[in-house]
Amino acid sequence: MGMRMTQNMGLPPAADAFLKRECLRALNHECPTCHHKTGGEMVCEVYEDASEQGMFDDGPQLRKYTLNGGSTVKEVVQCTPWDCGPMIYLCLKDDYGNTLFQWPKEETGMEEEE
């Protein structure tokens, strides 16, 4: 028997690729003194804590991303099947409420969203 624990499955690879391509990035900045470079991170903010989805209140923090065109997408919990603990699958939802980049049901083992 496996160890019981929350498994944060995150976003599917297609959603990660979309965000890498379409998400607004923070401006790059270089310190004139030490030349340390910062910036380039995806512009996002935590908008909700899904800790109650986890086995020990250890579910993920959900993020809202700003896209290059100014619209946003946010992470939402797609489903939480159980296999030695909850497996938390995320997908994206746009400003109009459309669900984007869902995990295939063959991978989640779930027939439809919760």
PDB file of N, CA and C in Angstrom:
ATOM      1  N   MET A   1       0.844  -1.179   0.000  1.00  0.00           N
ATOM      2  CA  MET A   1       0.000   0.000   0.000  1.00  0.00           C
ATOM      3  C   MET A   1       0.887   1.238   0.000  1.00  0.00           C
ATOM      4  N   GLY A   2       0.503   2.239  -0.812  1.00  0.00           N
ATOM      5  CA  GLY A   2       1.275   3.473  -0.911  1.00  0.00           C
ATOM      6  C   GLY A   2       1.003   4.401   0.256  1.00  0.00           C
ATOM      7  N   MET A   3       1.856   5.384   0.390  1.00  0.00           N
ATOM      8  CA  MET A   3       1.680   6.398   1.418  1.00  0.00           C
ATOM      9  C   MET A   3       0.491   7.283   1.053  1.00  0.00           C
ATOM     10  N   ARG A   4      -0.338   7.563   2.040  1.00  0.00           N
ATOM     11  CA  ARG A   4      -1.490   8.433   1.801  1.00  0.00           C
ATOM     12  C   ARG A   4      -1.036   9.882   1.837  1.00  0.00           C
ATOM     13  N   MET A   5      -1.324  10.607   0.741  1.00  0.00           N
ATOM     14  CA  MET A   5      -0.912  11.994   0.654  1.00  0.00           C
ATOM     15  C   MET A   5      -1.670  12.701  -0.460  1.00  0.00           C
ATOM     16  N   THR A   6      -1.718  14.007  -0.378  1.00  0.00           N
ATOM     17  CA  THR A   6      -2.296  14.819  -1.436  1.00  0.00           C
ATOM     18  C   THR A   6      -1.317  14.862  -2.600  1.00  0.00           C
ATOM     19  N   GLN A   7      -1.849  14.656  -3.794  1.00  0.00           N
ATOM     20  CA  GLN A   7      -1.026  14.724  -5.001  1.00  0.00           C
ATOM     21  C   GLN A   7      -1.531  15.898  -5.850  1.00  0.00           C
ATOM     22  N   ASN A   8      -0.775  16.968  -5.887  1.00  0.00           N
ATOM     23  CA  ASN A   8      -1.138  18.118  -6.704  1.00  0.00           C
ATOM     24  C   ASN A   8      -0.669  17.857  -8.131  1.00  0.00           C
ATOM     25  N   MET A   9      -1.613  17.479  -9.006  1.00  0.00           N
ATOM     26  CA  MET A   9      -1.284  17.113 -10.377  1.00  0.00           C
ATOM     27  C   MET A   9      -1.049  18.344 -11.245  1.00  0.00           C
ATOM     28  N   GLY A  10      -1.582  19.482 -10.828  1.00  0.00           N
ATOM     29  CA  GLY A  10      -1.350  20.720 -11.550  1.00  0.00           C
ATOM     30  C   GLY A  10      -2.108  20.807 -12.864  1.00  0.00           C
ATOM     31  N   LEU A  11      -1.598  21.655 -13.730  1.00  0.00           N
ATOM     32  CA  LEU A  11      -2.198  21.871 -15.045  1.00  0.00           C
ATOM     33  C   LEU A  11      -1.670  20.845 -16.038  1.00  0.00           C
ATOM     34  N   PRO A  12      -2.465  20.519 -17.070  1.00  0.00           N
ATOM     35  CA  PRO A  12      -1.955  19.623 -18.110  1.00  0.00           C
ATOM     36  C   PRO A  12      -0.846  20.311 -18.910  1.00  0.00           C
ATOM     37  N   PRO A  13       0.026  19.541 -19.564  1.00  0.00           N
ATOM     38  CA  PRO A  13       1.137  20.125 -20.316  1.00  0.00           C
ATOM     39  C   PRO A  13       0.702  21.174 -21.342  1.00  0.00           C
ATOM     40  N   ALA A  14      -0.442  20.986 -21.994  1.00  0.00           N
ATOM     41  CA  ALA A  14      -0.906  21.960 -22.995  1.00  0.00           C
ATOM     42  C   ALA A  14      -1.205  23.311 -22.347  1.00  0.00           C
ATOM     43  N   ALA A  15      -1.727  23.313 -21.117  1.00  0.00           N
ATOM     44  CA  ALA A  15      -2.009  24.565 -20.407  1.00  0.00           C
ATOM     45  C   ALA A  15      -0.704  25.255 -20.021  1.00  0.00           C
ATOM     46  N   ASP A  16       0.275  24.478 -19.559  1.00  0.00           N
ATOM     47  CA  ASP A  16       1.583  25.056 -19.227  1.00  0.00           C
ATOM     48  C   ASP A  16       2.215  25.695 -20.461  1.00  0.00           C
ATOM     49  N   ALA A  17       2.135  25.012 -21.604  1.00  0.00           N
ATOM     50  CA  ALA A  17       2.702  25.539 -22.850  1.00  0.00           C
ATOM     51  C   ALA A  17       1.975  26.824 -23.260  1.00  0.00           C
ATOM     52  N   PHE A  18       0.649  26.849 -23.121  1.00  0.00           N
ATOM     53  CA  PHE A  18      -0.144  28.039 -23.440  1.00  0.00           C
ATOM     54  C   PHE A  18       0.308  29.225 -22.584  1.00  0.00           C
ATOM     55  N   LEU A  19       0.448  29.000 -21.272  1.00  0.00           N
ATOM     56  CA  LEU A  19       0.859  30.078 -20.379  1.00  0.00           C
ATOM     57  C   LEU A  19       2.271  30.575 -20.707  1.00  0.00           C
ATOM     58  N   LYS A  20       3.185  29.667 -20.999  1.00  0.00           N
ATOM     59  CA  LYS A  20       4.549  30.076 -21.353  1.00  0.00           C
ATOM     60  C   LYS A  20       4.544  30.949 -22.597  1.00  0.00           C
ATOM     61  N   ARG A  21       3.633  30.671 -23.509  1.00  0.00           N
ATOM     62  CA  ARG A  21       3.551  31.400 -24.783  1.00  0.00           C
ATOM     63  C   ARG A  21       2.754  32.704 -24.661  1.00  0.00           C
ATOM     64  N   GLU A  22       1.657  32.687 -23.883  1.00  0.00           N
ATOM     65  CA  GLU A  22       0.688  33.783 -23.906  1.00  0.00           C
ATOM     66  C   GLU A  22       0.655  34.672 -22.669  1.00  0.00           C
ATOM     67  N   CYS A  23       1.304  34.272 -21.603  1.00  0.00           N
ATOM     68  CA  CYS A  23       1.235  35.041 -20.366  1.00  0.00           C
ATOM     69  C   CYS A  23       2.141  36.264 -20.434  1.00  0.00           C
ATOM     70  N   LEU A  24       1.633  37.383 -19.940  1.00  0.00           N
ATOM     71  CA  LEU A  24       2.399  38.616 -19.825  1.00  0.00           C
ATOM     72  C   LEU A  24       3.574  38.363 -18.884  1.00  0.00           C
ATOM     73  N   ARG A  25       4.710  38.953 -19.195  1.00  0.00           N
ATOM     74  CA  ARG A  25       5.915  38.765 -18.376  1.00  0.00           C
ATOM     75  C   ARG A  25       6.301  40.069 -17.690  1.00  0.00           C
ATOM     76  N   ALA A  26       6.835  39.953 -16.492  1.00  0.00           N
ATOM     77  CA  ALA A  26       7.344  41.117 -15.773  1.00  0.00           C
ATOM     78  C   ALA A  26       8.537  41.694 -16.541  1.00  0.00           C
ATOM     79  N   LEU A  27       8.695  42.997 -16.476  1.00  0.00           N
ATOM     80  CA  LEU A  27       9.809  43.644 -17.167  1.00  0.00           C
ATOM     81  C   LEU A  27      11.145  43.191 -16.587  1.00  0.00           C
ATOM     82  N   ASN A  28      12.119  43.047 -17.464  1.00  0.00           N
ATOM     83  CA  ASN A  28      13.462  42.694 -17.030  1.00  0.00           C
ATOM     84  C   ASN A  28      14.153  43.935 -16.466  1.00  0.00           C
ATOM     85  N   HIS A  29      14.940  43.728 -15.435  1.00  0.00           N
ATOM     86  CA  HIS A  29      15.668  44.820 -14.802  1.00  0.00           C
ATOM     87  C   HIS A  29      17.036  44.297 -14.386  1.00  0.00           C
ATOM     88  N   GLU A  30      18.047  45.114 -14.612  1.00  0.00           N
ATOM     89  CA  GLU A  30      19.395  44.752 -14.186  1.00  0.00           C
ATOM     90  C   GLU A  30      19.908  45.802 -13.219  1.00  0.00           C
ATOM     91  N   CYS A  31      20.416  45.354 -12.084  1.00  0.00           N
ATOM     92  CA  CYS A  31      20.997  46.263 -11.098  1.00  0.00           C
ATOM     93  C   CYS A  31      22.278  46.867 -11.691  1.00  0.00           C
ATOM     94  N   PRO A  32      22.378  48.213 -11.711  1.00  0.00           N
ATOM     95  CA  PRO A  32      23.574  48.836 -12.300  1.00  0.00           C
ATOM     96  C   PRO A  32      24.846  48.573 -11.489  1.00  0.00           C
ATOM     97  N   THR A  33      24.695  48.235 -10.214  1.00  0.00           N
ATOM     98  CA  THR A  33      25.864  48.020  -9.359  1.00  0.00           C
ATOM     99  C   THR A  33      26.393  46.586  -9.465  1.00  0.00           C
ATOM    100  N   CYS A  34      25.487  45.617  -9.218  1.00  0.00           N
ATOM    101  CA  CYS A  34      25.956  44.222  -9.168  1.00  0.00           C
ATOM    102  C   CYS A  34      25.565  43.418 -10.407  1.00  0.00           C
ATOM    103  N   HIS A  35      24.765  44.005 -11.288  1.00  0.00           N
ATOM    104  CA  HIS A  35      24.315  43.384 -12.537  1.00  0.00           C
ATOM    105  C   HIS A  35      23.428  42.156 -12.320  1.00  0.00           C
ATOM    106  N   HIS A  36      22.837  42.062 -11.118  1.00  0.00           N
ATOM    107  CA  HIS A  36      21.855  40.999 -10.864  1.00  0.00           C
ATOM    108  C   HIS A  36      20.617  41.290 -11.708  1.00  0.00           C
ATOM    109  N   LYS A  37      20.130  40.267 -12.414  1.00  0.00           N
ATOM    110  CA  LYS A  37      18.969  40.452 -13.293  1.00  0.00           C
ATOM    111  C   LYS A  37      17.719  39.870 -12.647  1.00  0.00           C
ATOM    112  N   THR A  38      16.632  40.632 -12.727  1.00  0.00           N
ATOM    113  CA  THR A  38      15.334  40.166 -12.247  1.00  0.00           C
ATOM    114  C   THR A  38      14.312  40.421 -13.342  1.00  0.00           C
ATOM    115  N   GLY A  39      13.135  39.842 -13.168  1.00  0.00           N
ATOM    116  CA  GLY A  39      12.065  40.039 -14.137  1.00  0.00           C
ATOM    117  C   GLY A  39      11.912  38.826 -15.036  1.00  0.00           C
ATOM    118  N   GLY A  40      10.964  38.938 -15.960  1.00  0.00           N
ATOM    119  CA  GLY A  40      10.711  37.844 -16.889  1.00  0.00           C
ATOM    120  C   GLY A  40       9.730  36.816 -16.371  1.00  0.00           C
ATOM    121  N   GLU A  41       9.296  36.959 -15.097  1.00  0.00           N
ATOM    122  CA  GLU A  41       8.355  35.998 -14.531  1.00  0.00           C
ATOM    123  C   GLU A  41       6.956  36.230 -15.116  1.00  0.00           C
ATOM    124  N   MET A  42       6.173  35.178 -15.139  1.00  0.00           N
ATOM    125  CA  MET A  42       4.790  35.309 -15.577  1.00  0.00           C
ATOM    126  C   MET A  42       4.034  36.199 -14.604  1.00  0.00           C
ATOM    127  N   VAL A  43       3.207  37.101 -15.130  1.00  0.00           N
ATOM    128  CA  VAL A  43       2.423  38.000 -14.291  1.00  0.00           C
ATOM    129  C   VAL A  43       1.192  37.229 -13.808  1.00  0.00           C
ATOM    130  N   CYS A  44       1.155  36.952 -12.505  1.00  0.00           N
ATOM    131  CA  CYS A  44       0.032  36.205 -11.936  1.00  0.00           C
ATOM    132  C   CYS A  44      -0.099  36.558 -10.461  1.00  0.00           C
ATOM    133  N   GLU A  45      -1.246  36.203  -9.908  1.00  0.00           N
ATOM    134  CA  GLU A  45      -1.491  36.417  -8.486  1.00  0.00           C
ATOM    135  C   GLU A  45      -2.318  35.267  -7.952  1.00  0.00           C
ATOM    136  N   VAL A  46      -2.117  34.946  -6.682  1.00  0.00           N
ATOM    137  CA  VAL A  46      -2.938  33.927  -6.026  1.00  0.00           C
ATOM    138  C   VAL A  46      -4.302  34.554  -5.762  1.00  0.00           C
ATOM    139  N   TYR A  47      -5.364  33.895  -6.226  1.00  0.00           N
ATOM    140  CA  TYR A  47      -6.697  34.461  -6.002  1.00  0.00           C
ATOM    141  C   TYR A  47      -7.542  33.591  -5.075  1.00  0.00           C
ATOM    142  N   GLU A  48      -7.133  32.366  -4.853  1.00  0.00           N
ATOM    143  CA  GLU A  48      -7.893  31.481  -3.968  1.00  0.00           C
ATOM    144  C   GLU A  48      -6.975  30.396  -3.440  1.00  0.00           C
ATOM    145  N   ASP A  49      -7.295  29.927  -2.257  1.00  0.00           N
ATOM    146  CA  ASP A  49      -6.544  28.843  -1.643  1.00  0.00           C
ATOM    147  C   ASP A  49      -7.436  27.610  -1.666  1.00  0.00           C
ATOM    148  N   ALA A  50      -6.990  26.566  -2.351  1.00  0.00           N
ATOM    149  CA  ALA A  50      -7.774  25.330  -2.453  1.00  0.00           C
ATOM    150  C   ALA A  50      -7.277  24.292  -1.451  1.00  0.00           C
ATOM    151  N   SER A  51      -6.793  24.756  -0.297  1.00  0.00           N
ATOM    152  CA  SER A  51      -6.211  23.839   0.677  1.00  0.00           C
ATOM    153  C   SER A  51      -7.212  22.798   1.170  1.00  0.00           C
ATOM    154  N   GLU A  52      -8.518  23.150   1.204  1.00  0.00           N
ATOM    155  CA  GLU A  52      -9.515  22.191   1.689  1.00  0.00           C
ATOM    156  C   GLU A  52      -9.640  20.979   0.760  1.00  0.00           C
ATOM    157  N   GLN A  53      -9.116  21.085  -0.456  1.00  0.00           N
ATOM    158  CA  GLN A  53      -9.153  19.960  -1.391  1.00  0.00           C
ATOM    159  C   GLN A  53      -8.124  18.889  -1.020  1.00  0.00           C
ATOM    160  N   GLY A  54      -7.132  19.261  -0.240  1.00  0.00           N
ATOM    161  CA  GLY A  54      -6.076  18.323   0.117  1.00  0.00           C
ATOM    162  C   GLY A  54      -6.460  17.441   1.290  1.00  0.00           C
ATOM    163  N   MET A  55      -5.703  16.398   1.478  1.00  0.00           N
ATOM    164  CA  MET A  55      -5.965  15.442   2.549  1.00  0.00           C
ATOM    165  C   MET A  55      -5.717  16.067   3.914  1.00  0.00           C
ATOM    166  N   PHE A  56      -4.710  16.913   4.008  1.00  0.00           N
ATOM    167  CA  PHE A  56      -4.348  17.565   5.265  1.00  0.00           C
ATOM    168  C   PHE A  56      -4.400  19.078   5.102  1.00  0.00           C
ATOM    169  N   ASP A  57      -5.446  19.570   4.430  1.00  0.00           N
ATOM    170  CA  ASP A  57      -5.560  20.995   4.106  1.00  0.00           C
ATOM    171  C   ASP A  57      -4.302  21.491   3.400  1.00  0.00           C
ATOM    172  N   ASP A  58      -3.810  20.678   2.465  1.00  0.00           N
ATOM    173  CA  ASP A  58      -2.566  20.998   1.766  1.00  0.00           C
ATOM    174  C   ASP A  58      -2.757  21.058   0.254  1.00  0.00           C
ATOM    175  N   GLY A  59      -3.935  21.484  -0.153  1.00  0.00           N
ATOM    176  CA  GLY A  59      -4.181  21.654  -1.579  1.00  0.00           C
ATOM    177  C   GLY A  59      -3.456  22.886  -2.117  1.00  0.00           C
ATOM    178  N   PRO A  60      -3.515  23.087  -3.429  1.00  0.00           N
ATOM    179  CA  PRO A  60      -2.737  24.153  -4.053  1.00  0.00           C
ATOM    180  C   PRO A  60      -3.354  25.541  -3.887  1.00  0.00           C
ATOM    181  N   GLN A  61      -2.513  26.542  -4.017  1.00  0.00           N
ATOM    182  CA  GLN A  61      -2.985  27.910  -4.162  1.00  0.00           C
ATOM    183  C   GLN A  61      -3.294  28.086  -5.648  1.00  0.00           C
ATOM    184  N   LEU A  62      -4.439  28.671  -5.958  1.00  0.00           N
ATOM    185  CA  LEU A  62      -4.857  28.846  -7.341  1.00  0.00           C
ATOM    186  C   LEU A  62      -4.444  30.232  -7.816  1.00  0.00           C
ATOM    187  N   ARG A  63      -3.937  30.295  -9.039  1.00  0.00           N
ATOM    188  CA  ARG A  63      -3.403  31.543  -9.592  1.00  0.00           C
ATOM    189  C   ARG A  63      -4.253  32.076 -10.737  1.00  0.00           C
ATOM    190  N   LYS A  64      -4.235  33.383 -10.868  1.00  0.00           N
ATOM    191  CA  LYS A  64      -4.892  34.081 -11.971  1.00  0.00           C
ATOM    192  C   LYS A  64      -3.772  34.743 -12.777  1.00  0.00           C
ATOM    193  N   TYR A  65      -3.718  34.441 -14.081  1.00  0.00           N
ATOM    194  CA  TYR A  65      -2.654  34.911 -14.962  1.00  0.00           C
ATOM    195  C   TYR A  65      -3.162  36.014 -15.880  1.00  0.00           C
ATOM    196  N   THR A  66      -2.345  37.044 -16.092  1.00  0.00           N
ATOM    197  CA  THR A  66      -2.661  38.095 -17.058  1.00  0.00           C
ATOM    198  C   THR A  66      -1.993  37.730 -18.380  1.00  0.00           C
ATOM    199  N   LEU A  67      -2.790  37.724 -19.449  1.00  0.00           N
ATOM    200  CA  LEU A  67      -2.280  37.358 -20.771  1.00  0.00           C
ATOM    201  C   LEU A  67      -1.791  38.596 -21.513  1.00  0.00           C
ATOM    202  N   ASN A  68      -1.054  38.381 -22.581  1.00  0.00           N
ATOM    203  CA  ASN A  68      -0.464  39.467 -23.365  1.00  0.00           C
ATOM    204  C   ASN A  68      -1.500  40.484 -23.830  1.00  0.00           C
ATOM    205  N   GLY A  69      -2.700  40.060 -24.170  1.00  0.00           N
ATOM    206  CA  GLY A  69      -3.723  40.982 -24.651  1.00  0.00           C
ATOM    207  C   GLY A  69      -4.482  41.705 -23.550  1.00  0.00           C
ATOM    208  N   GLY A  70      -4.178  41.406 -22.273  1.00  0.00           N
ATOM    209  CA  GLY A  70      -4.836  42.065 -21.163  1.00  0.00           C
ATOM    210  C   GLY A  70      -5.939  41.242 -20.517  1.00  0.00           C
ATOM    211  N   SER A  71      -6.412  40.175 -21.178  1.00  0.00           N
ATOM    212  CA  SER A  71      -7.412  39.309 -20.556  1.00  0.00           C
ATOM    213  C   SER A  71      -6.724  38.421 -19.524  1.00  0.00           C
ATOM    214  N   THR A  72      -7.516  37.664 -18.782  1.00  0.00           N
ATOM    215  CA  THR A  72      -6.957  36.788 -17.755  1.00  0.00           C
ATOM    216  C   THR A  72      -7.500  35.367 -17.895  1.00  0.00           C
ATOM    217  N   VAL A  73      -6.765  34.437 -17.358  1.00  0.00           N
ATOM    218  CA  VAL A  73      -7.223  33.061 -17.160  1.00  0.00           C
ATOM    219  C   VAL A  73      -6.860  32.687 -15.738  1.00  0.00           C
ATOM    220  N   LYS A  74      -7.672  31.825 -15.130  1.00  0.00           N
ATOM    221  CA  LYS A  74      -7.361  31.410 -13.771  1.00  0.00           C
ATOM    222  C   LYS A  74      -7.393  29.896 -13.663  1.00  0.00           C
ATOM    223  N   GLU A  75      -6.576  29.391 -12.742  1.00  0.00           N
ATOM    224  CA  GLU A  75      -6.570  27.964 -12.454  1.00  0.00           C
ATOM    225  C   GLU A  75      -7.818  27.631 -11.653  1.00  0.00           C
ATOM    226  N   VAL A  76      -8.463  26.525 -11.992  1.00  0.00           N
ATOM    227  CA  VAL A  76      -9.595  26.013 -11.223  1.00  0.00           C
ATOM    228  C   VAL A  76      -9.389  24.513 -11.036  1.00  0.00           C
ATOM    229  N   VAL A  77      -9.999  23.960  -9.996  1.00  0.00           N
ATOM    230  CA  VAL A  77      -9.922  22.522  -9.759  1.00  0.00           C
ATOM    231  C   VAL A  77     -10.862  21.835 -10.735  1.00  0.00           C
ATOM    232  N   GLN A  78     -10.313  20.961 -11.574  1.00  0.00           N
ATOM    233  CA  GLN A  78     -11.116  20.198 -12.536  1.00  0.00           C
ATOM    234  C   GLN A  78     -11.774  19.010 -11.842  1.00  0.00           C
ATOM    235  N   CYS A  79     -10.974  18.250 -11.104  1.00  0.00           N
ATOM    236  CA  CYS A  79     -11.522  17.095 -10.390  1.00  0.00           C
ATOM    237  C   CYS A  79     -10.507  16.632  -9.354  1.00  0.00           C
ATOM    238  N   THR A  80     -10.975  15.807  -8.408  1.00  0.00           N
ATOM    239  CA  THR A  80     -10.101  15.289  -7.351  1.00  0.00           C
ATOM    240  C   THR A  80     -10.381  13.807  -7.115  1.00  0.00           C
ATOM    241  N   PRO A  81      -9.979  12.944  -8.058  1.00  0.00           N
ATOM    242  CA  PRO A  81     -10.131  11.510  -7.799  1.00  0.00           C
ATOM    243  C   PRO A  81      -9.191  11.095  -6.659  1.00  0.00           C
ATOM    244  N   TRP A  82      -9.410   9.900  -6.138  1.00  0.00           N
ATOM    245  CA  TRP A  82      -8.664   9.407  -4.989  1.00  0.00           C
ATOM    246  C   TRP A  82      -7.785   8.224  -5.397  1.00  0.00           C
ATOM    247  N   ASP A  83      -6.494   8.298  -5.031  1.00  0.00           N
ATOM    248  CA  ASP A  83      -5.572   7.181  -5.204  1.00  0.00           C
ATOM    249  C   ASP A  83      -4.510   7.344  -4.128  1.00  0.00           C
ATOM    250  N   CYS A  84      -4.689   6.699  -2.996  1.00  0.00           N
ATOM    251  CA  CYS A  84      -3.832   6.864  -1.814  1.00  0.00           C
ATOM    252  C   CYS A  84      -3.849   8.314  -1.342  1.00  0.00           C
ATOM    253  N   GLY A  85      -4.930   9.006  -1.610  1.00  0.00           N
ATOM    254  CA  GLY A  85      -5.095  10.410  -1.259  1.00  0.00           C
ATOM    255  C   GLY A  85      -5.661  11.152  -2.452  1.00  0.00           C
ATOM    256  N   PRO A  86      -6.105  12.374  -2.238  1.00  0.00           N
ATOM    257  CA  PRO A  86      -6.699  13.122  -3.347  1.00  0.00           C
ATOM    258  C   PRO A  86      -5.653  13.501  -4.391  1.00  0.00           C
ATOM    259  N   MET A  87      -6.036  13.363  -5.646  1.00  0.00           N
ATOM    260  CA  MET A  87      -5.212  13.794  -6.779  1.00  0.00           C
ATOM    261  C   MET A  87      -5.909  15.019  -7.358  1.00  0.00           C
ATOM    262  N   ILE A  88      -5.309  16.188  -7.195  1.00  0.00           N
ATOM    263  CA  ILE A  88      -5.961  17.444  -7.563  1.00  0.00           C
ATOM    264  C   ILE A  88      -5.504  17.867  -8.963  1.00  0.00           C
ATOM    265  N   TYR A  89      -6.430  17.756  -9.921  1.00  0.00           N
ATOM    266  CA  TYR A  89      -6.166  18.143 -11.303  1.00  0.00           C
ATOM    267  C   TYR A  89      -6.716  19.549 -11.534  1.00  0.00           C
ATOM    268  N   LEU A  90      -5.898  20.406 -12.129  1.00  0.00           N
ATOM    269  CA  LEU A  90      -6.303  21.770 -12.429  1.00  0.00           C
ATOM    270  C   LEU A  90      -6.486  21.960 -13.931  1.00  0.00           C
ATOM    271  N   CYS A  91      -7.314  22.922 -14.283  1.00  0.00           N
ATOM    272  CA  CYS A  91      -7.434  23.374 -15.665  1.00  0.00           C
ATOM    273  C   CYS A  91      -7.579  24.892 -15.605  1.00  0.00           C
ATOM    274  N   LEU A  92      -7.775  25.526 -16.739  1.00  0.00           N
ATOM    275  CA  LEU A  92      -7.899  26.982 -16.780  1.00  0.00           C
ATOM    276  C   LEU A  92      -9.319  27.392 -17.119  1.00  0.00           C
ATOM    277  N   LYS A  93      -9.714  28.571 -16.676  1.00  0.00           N
ATOM    278  CA  LYS A  93     -11.007  29.169 -17.007  1.00  0.00           C
ATOM    279  C   LYS A  93     -10.735  30.601 -17.447  1.00  0.00           C
ATOM    280  N   ASP A  94     -11.365  31.014 -18.576  1.00  0.00           N
ATOM    281  CA  ASP A  94     -11.130  32.364 -19.078  1.00  0.00           C
ATOM    282  C   ASP A  94     -12.115  33.366 -18.489  1.00  0.00           C
ATOM    283  N   ASP A  95     -11.991  34.623 -18.911  1.00  0.00           N
ATOM    284  CA  ASP A  95     -12.839  35.699 -18.394  1.00  0.00           C
ATOM    285  C   ASP A  95     -14.323  35.478 -18.672  1.00  0.00           C
ATOM    286  N   TYR A  96     -14.635  34.663 -19.667  1.00  0.00           N
ATOM    287  CA  TYR A  96     -16.036  34.426 -20.055  1.00  0.00           C
ATOM    288  C   TYR A  96     -16.612  33.169 -19.414  1.00  0.00           C
ATOM    289  N   GLY A  97     -15.820  32.497 -18.567  1.00  0.00           N
ATOM    290  CA  GLY A  97     -16.288  31.289 -17.907  1.00  0.00           C
ATOM    291  C   GLY A  97     -16.057  30.019 -18.704  1.00  0.00           C
ATOM    292  N   ASN A  98     -15.349  30.110 -19.834  1.00  0.00           N
ATOM    293  CA  ASN A  98     -15.045  28.928 -20.645  1.00  0.00           C
ATOM    294  C   ASN A  98     -13.927  28.135 -19.991  1.00  0.00           C
ATOM    295  N   THR A  99     -14.092  26.833 -19.904  1.00  0.00           N
ATOM    296  CA  THR A  99     -13.063  25.957 -19.351  1.00  0.00           C
ATOM    297  C   THR A  99     -12.097  25.578 -20.465  1.00  0.00           C
ATOM    298  N   LEU A 100     -10.811  25.749 -20.188  1.00  0.00           N
ATOM    299  CA  LEU A 100      -9.762  25.499 -21.175  1.00  0.00           C
ATOM    300  C   LEU A 100      -8.779  24.458 -20.660  1.00  0.00           C
ATOM    301  N   PHE A 101      -8.263  23.661 -21.570  1.00  0.00           N
ATOM    302  CA  PHE A 101      -7.165  22.735 -21.269  1.00  0.00           C
ATOM    303  C   PHE A 101      -7.481  21.778 -20.125  1.00  0.00           C
ATOM    304  N   GLN A 102      -8.587  21.050 -20.243  1.00  0.00           N
ATOM    305  CA  GLN A 102      -8.910  20.042 -19.228  1.00  0.00           C
ATOM    306  C   GLN A 102      -8.040  18.803 -19.434  1.00  0.00           C
ATOM    307  N   TRP A 103      -7.753  18.129 -18.336  1.00  0.00           N
ATOM    308  CA  TRP A 103      -7.087  16.838 -18.405  1.00  0.00           C
ATOM    309  C   TRP A 103      -8.043  15.856 -19.079  1.00  0.00           C
ATOM    310  N   PRO A 104      -7.534  14.965 -19.933  1.00  0.00           N
ATOM    311  CA  PRO A 104      -8.400  13.938 -20.525  1.00  0.00           C
ATOM    312  C   PRO A 104      -8.914  12.990 -19.445  1.00  0.00           C
ATOM    313  N   LYS A 105     -10.168  12.542 -19.597  1.00  0.00           N
ATOM    314  CA  LYS A 105     -10.755  11.662 -18.572  1.00  0.00           C
ATOM    315  C   LYS A 105      -9.985  10.349 -18.451  1.00  0.00           C
ATOM    316  N   GLU A 106      -9.275   9.941 -19.509  1.00  0.00           N
ATOM    317  CA  GLU A 106      -8.470   8.710 -19.417  1.00  0.00           C
ATOM    318  C   GLU A 106      -7.349   8.870 -18.393  1.00  0.00           C
ATOM    319  N   GLU A 107      -6.850  10.092 -18.245  1.00  0.00           N
ATOM    320  CA  GLU A 107      -5.763  10.330 -17.288  1.00  0.00           C
ATOM    321  C   GLU A 107      -6.277  10.545 -15.868  1.00  0.00           C
ATOM    322  N   THR A 108      -7.443  11.155 -15.729  1.00  0.00           N
ATOM    323  CA  THR A 108      -7.962  11.442 -14.396  1.00  0.00           C
ATOM    324  C   THR A 108      -8.787  10.286 -13.839  1.00  0.00           C
ATOM    325  N   GLY A 109      -9.340   9.462 -14.721  1.00  0.00           N
ATOM    326  CA  GLY A 109     -10.216   8.385 -14.292  1.00  0.00           C
ATOM    327  C   GLY A 109     -11.614   8.857 -13.945  1.00  0.00           C
ATOM    328  N   MET A 110     -11.893  10.135 -14.192  1.00  0.00           N
ATOM    329  CA  MET A 110     -13.193  10.718 -13.877  1.00  0.00           C
ATOM    330  C   MET A 110     -13.980  10.899 -15.163  1.00  0.00           C
ATOM    331  N   GLU A 111     -15.282  10.701 -15.087  1.00  0.00           N
ATOM    332  CA  GLU A 111     -16.142  10.860 -16.263  1.00  0.00           C
ATOM    333  C   GLU A 111     -16.398  12.313 -16.608  1.00  0.00           C
ATOM    334  N   GLU A 112     -16.631  13.158 -15.584  1.00  0.00           N
ATOM    335  CA  GLU A 112     -16.926  14.573 -15.835  1.00  0.00           C
ATOM    336  C   GLU A 112     -16.456  15.396 -14.662  1.00  0.00           C
ATOM    337  N   GLU A 113     -16.552  16.706 -14.813  1.00  0.00           N
ATOM    338  CA  GLU A 113     -16.120  17.617 -13.751  1.00  0.00           C
ATOM    339  C   GLU A 113     -16.937  17.411 -12.490  1.00  0.00           C
ATOM    340  N   GLU A 114     -16.307  17.733 -11.369  1.00  0.00           N
ATOM    341  CA  GLU A 114     -17.015  17.694 -10.082  1.00  0.00           C
ATOM    342  C   GLU A 114     -17.761  18.975  -9.899  1.00  0.00           C
TER     343      GLU A 114
END
